[in-house]
Structure formats: structure tokens, C-alpha cells
Amino acid sequence: MPERTHVTLTEEGPALVTGPVEVELPDGERVRSDRPVTALCLCRRSRRYPLCDTSHRTKVRVKEES
């Protein structure tokens, strides 16, 4: 039995997909990654969309005061 795909949603960044993944974009294009873990962009800032290139890190976040 093949291993299940595992998706982890992160607080401030991409969705991490464990195992091979194929993503179908709205225009029908398919992007495949055979990496052990693939980071999928959720903020749409990536120049490699749908794959994350860490562009989300350039946004300055203001920490809430406790």
C-alpha cells in the first residue's frame, strides 16, 4: 500500500506536502515535484508559483503586544 500524502499548513508560510505531488493550476497546467517535502505557496508572492520561493518572508509583520 503506498504511503499517504501528508499536508502541513504553516502559520506564516507555505503548505508543506510530504511525498511526490502534482498540482493542477486553474489554467490546466500541471506542476510536479518528486522532492521528499514540497512547499506550496499560499500567498501568491512566489516567482515560482505554485512552489514557494520564500517571498513571503519579505513582508514585515508587526507583533501584537501582550
N, C-alpha and C. Protein backbone atom coordinates (compact mmCIF):
# COMPACT_ATOMS: atom_id res chain seq x y z
N MET A 1 0.85 -1.18 0.00
CA MET A 1 0.00 0.00 0.00
C MET A 1 0.90 1.25 0.00
N PRO A 2 0.70 2.20 -0.93
CA PRO A 2 1.52 3.40 -0.98
C PRO A 2 1.26 4.29 0.24
N GLU A 3 2.30 5.04 0.63
CA GLU A 3 2.14 5.95 1.76
C GLU A 3 1.17 7.06 1.40
N ARG A 4 0.45 7.56 2.40
CA ARG A 4 -0.46 8.67 2.19
C ARG A 4 0.32 9.96 2.04
N THR A 5 -0.24 10.88 1.29
CA THR A 5 0.33 12.22 1.20
C THR A 5 -0.05 12.95 2.46
N HIS A 6 0.90 13.70 3.01
CA HIS A 6 0.67 14.43 4.25
C HIS A 6 0.87 15.91 3.97
N VAL A 7 -0.12 16.76 4.34
CA VAL A 7 -0.04 18.20 4.13
C VAL A 7 -0.04 18.89 5.49
N THR A 8 0.93 19.80 5.68
CA THR A 8 1.02 20.58 6.91
C THR A 8 0.85 22.05 6.56
N LEU A 9 -0.14 22.71 7.14
CA LEU A 9 -0.34 24.14 6.93
C LEU A 9 0.46 24.88 7.99
N THR A 10 1.32 25.81 7.55
CA THR A 10 2.16 26.55 8.48
C THR A 10 1.50 27.87 8.83
N GLU A 11 1.89 28.43 9.97
CA GLU A 11 1.31 29.70 10.45
C GLU A 11 1.60 30.87 9.52
N GLU A 12 2.85 30.99 9.07
CA GLU A 12 3.26 32.19 8.34
C GLU A 12 3.84 31.91 6.97
N GLY A 13 3.59 30.76 6.43
CA GLY A 13 4.23 30.47 5.16
C GLY A 13 3.46 29.47 4.33
N PRO A 14 4.18 28.60 3.68
CA PRO A 14 3.59 27.69 2.71
C PRO A 14 2.92 26.47 3.33
N ALA A 15 2.25 25.73 2.49
CA ALA A 15 1.75 24.41 2.86
C ALA A 15 2.86 23.43 2.51
N LEU A 16 3.21 22.56 3.45
CA LEU A 16 4.27 21.58 3.22
C LEU A 16 3.63 20.24 2.89
N VAL A 17 3.99 19.69 1.73
CA VAL A 17 3.43 18.42 1.26
C VAL A 17 4.53 17.37 1.32
N THR A 18 4.30 16.30 2.07
CA THR A 18 5.26 15.20 2.16
C THR A 18 4.96 14.20 1.06
N GLY A 19 6.00 13.86 0.32
CA GLY A 19 5.85 12.89 -0.76
C GLY A 19 5.68 13.57 -2.10
N PRO A 20 5.73 12.81 -3.18
CA PRO A 20 5.55 13.40 -4.51
C PRO A 20 4.18 14.07 -4.62
N VAL A 21 4.15 15.15 -5.40
CA VAL A 21 2.89 15.88 -5.55
C VAL A 21 2.78 16.42 -6.98
N GLU A 22 1.57 16.43 -7.50
CA GLU A 22 1.27 17.07 -8.77
C GLU A 22 0.16 18.07 -8.51
N VAL A 23 0.41 19.33 -8.89
CA VAL A 23 -0.54 20.41 -8.66
C VAL A 23 -1.10 20.85 -9.99
N GLU A 24 -2.43 20.93 -10.08
CA GLU A 24 -3.07 21.43 -11.30
C GLU A 24 -3.50 22.86 -11.07
N LEU A 25 -3.01 23.76 -11.91
CA LEU A 25 -3.32 25.18 -11.83
C LEU A 25 -4.65 25.47 -12.52
N PRO A 26 -5.25 26.64 -12.26
CA PRO A 26 -6.54 26.97 -12.86
C PRO A 26 -6.55 26.91 -14.39
N ASP A 27 -5.38 27.20 -15.03
CA ASP A 27 -5.32 27.17 -16.49
C ASP A 27 -5.08 25.76 -17.05
N GLY A 28 -5.03 24.77 -16.16
CA GLY A 28 -4.85 23.38 -16.59
C GLY A 28 -3.40 22.92 -16.58
N GLU A 29 -2.46 23.86 -16.43
CA GLU A 29 -1.04 23.47 -16.35
C GLU A 29 -0.83 22.61 -15.11
N ARG A 30 0.05 21.62 -15.23
CA ARG A 30 0.36 20.75 -14.10
C ARG A 30 1.82 20.92 -13.72
N VAL A 31 2.06 21.02 -12.42
CA VAL A 31 3.42 21.15 -11.90
C VAL A 31 3.65 19.96 -10.99
N ARG A 32 4.75 19.25 -11.21
CA ARG A 32 5.06 18.05 -10.43
C ARG A 32 6.34 18.24 -9.64
N SER A 33 6.36 17.73 -8.43
CA SER A 33 7.56 17.73 -7.61
C SER A 33 7.73 16.34 -7.01
N ASP A 34 8.93 15.80 -7.14
CA ASP A 34 9.25 14.49 -6.58
C ASP A 34 10.10 14.61 -5.32
N ARG A 35 10.22 15.82 -4.79
CA ARG A 35 11.02 16.04 -3.58
C ARG A 35 10.36 15.36 -2.39
N PRO A 36 11.15 15.05 -1.36
CA PRO A 36 10.57 14.43 -0.16
C PRO A 36 9.54 15.35 0.52
N VAL A 37 9.80 16.67 0.52
CA VAL A 37 8.85 17.65 1.04
C VAL A 37 8.82 18.81 0.06
N THR A 38 7.63 19.20 -0.36
CA THR A 38 7.44 20.31 -1.29
C THR A 38 6.67 21.42 -0.59
N ALA A 39 7.17 22.65 -0.72
CA ALA A 39 6.49 23.81 -0.13
C ALA A 39 5.63 24.46 -1.21
N LEU A 40 4.33 24.50 -0.98
CA LEU A 40 3.39 25.12 -1.91
C LEU A 40 3.04 26.52 -1.42
N CYS A 41 3.17 27.49 -2.29
CA CYS A 41 2.92 28.89 -1.96
C CYS A 41 1.43 29.14 -1.74
N LEU A 42 1.12 29.80 -0.61
CA LEU A 42 -0.26 30.17 -0.32
C LEU A 42 -0.48 31.67 -0.43
N CYS A 43 0.61 32.45 -0.49
CA CYS A 43 0.48 33.92 -0.51
C CYS A 43 0.52 34.48 -1.93
N ARG A 44 0.89 33.67 -2.90
CA ARG A 44 0.98 34.05 -4.32
C ARG A 44 2.07 35.09 -4.61
N ARG A 45 3.03 35.26 -3.70
CA ARG A 45 4.15 36.17 -3.96
C ARG A 45 5.30 35.48 -4.67
N SER A 46 5.30 34.17 -4.70
CA SER A 46 6.41 33.40 -5.24
C SER A 46 6.58 33.62 -6.74
N ARG A 47 7.81 33.79 -7.13
CA ARG A 47 8.11 33.88 -8.58
C ARG A 47 8.07 32.50 -9.21
N ARG A 48 8.04 31.45 -8.38
CA ARG A 48 7.99 30.07 -8.85
C ARG A 48 6.62 29.45 -8.60
N TYR A 49 5.59 30.27 -8.39
CA TYR A 49 4.25 29.79 -8.04
C TYR A 49 3.84 28.64 -8.94
N PRO A 50 3.33 27.56 -8.42
CA PRO A 50 2.77 27.34 -7.10
C PRO A 50 3.79 26.86 -6.06
N LEU A 51 5.07 26.77 -6.45
CA LEU A 51 6.09 26.37 -5.49
C LEU A 51 6.59 27.58 -4.73
N CYS A 52 6.85 27.42 -3.46
CA CYS A 52 7.28 28.53 -2.61
C CYS A 52 8.75 28.85 -2.85
N ASP A 53 9.07 30.14 -2.94
CA ASP A 53 10.47 30.58 -3.04
C ASP A 53 10.84 31.47 -1.84
N THR A 54 10.06 31.41 -0.79
CA THR A 54 10.22 32.17 0.46
C THR A 54 9.98 33.66 0.30
N SER A 55 9.30 34.09 -0.75
CA SER A 55 8.98 35.51 -0.93
C SER A 55 8.10 36.03 0.20
N HIS A 56 7.37 35.17 0.87
CA HIS A 56 6.50 35.59 1.97
C HIS A 56 7.32 36.19 3.11
N ARG A 57 8.59 35.89 3.18
CA ARG A 57 9.44 36.41 4.26
C ARG A 57 9.74 37.89 4.12
N THR A 58 9.52 38.46 2.94
CA THR A 58 9.83 39.88 2.74
C THR A 58 8.77 40.80 3.34
N LYS A 59 7.61 40.27 3.67
CA LYS A 59 6.56 41.07 4.29
C LYS A 59 6.91 41.31 5.75
N VAL A 60 6.86 42.56 6.16
CA VAL A 60 7.16 42.90 7.56
C VAL A 60 5.90 42.67 8.38
N ARG A 61 6.04 41.89 9.42
CA ARG A 61 4.90 41.59 10.29
C ARG A 61 5.09 42.35 11.60
N VAL A 62 4.00 42.93 12.06
CA VAL A 62 4.03 43.65 13.34
C VAL A 62 3.53 42.70 14.40
N LYS A 63 4.34 42.49 15.45
CA LYS A 63 3.94 41.60 16.53
C LYS A 63 2.91 42.30 17.41
N GLU A 64 1.90 41.53 17.81
CA GLU A 64 0.89 42.07 18.71
C GLU A 64 1.47 42.15 20.11
N GLU A 65 1.14 43.24 20.80
CA GLU A 65 1.61 43.39 22.18
C GLU A 65 0.74 42.55 23.10
N SER A 66 1.38 41.94 24.10
CA SER A 66 0.65 41.06 25.04
C SER A 66 0.01 41.86 26.13
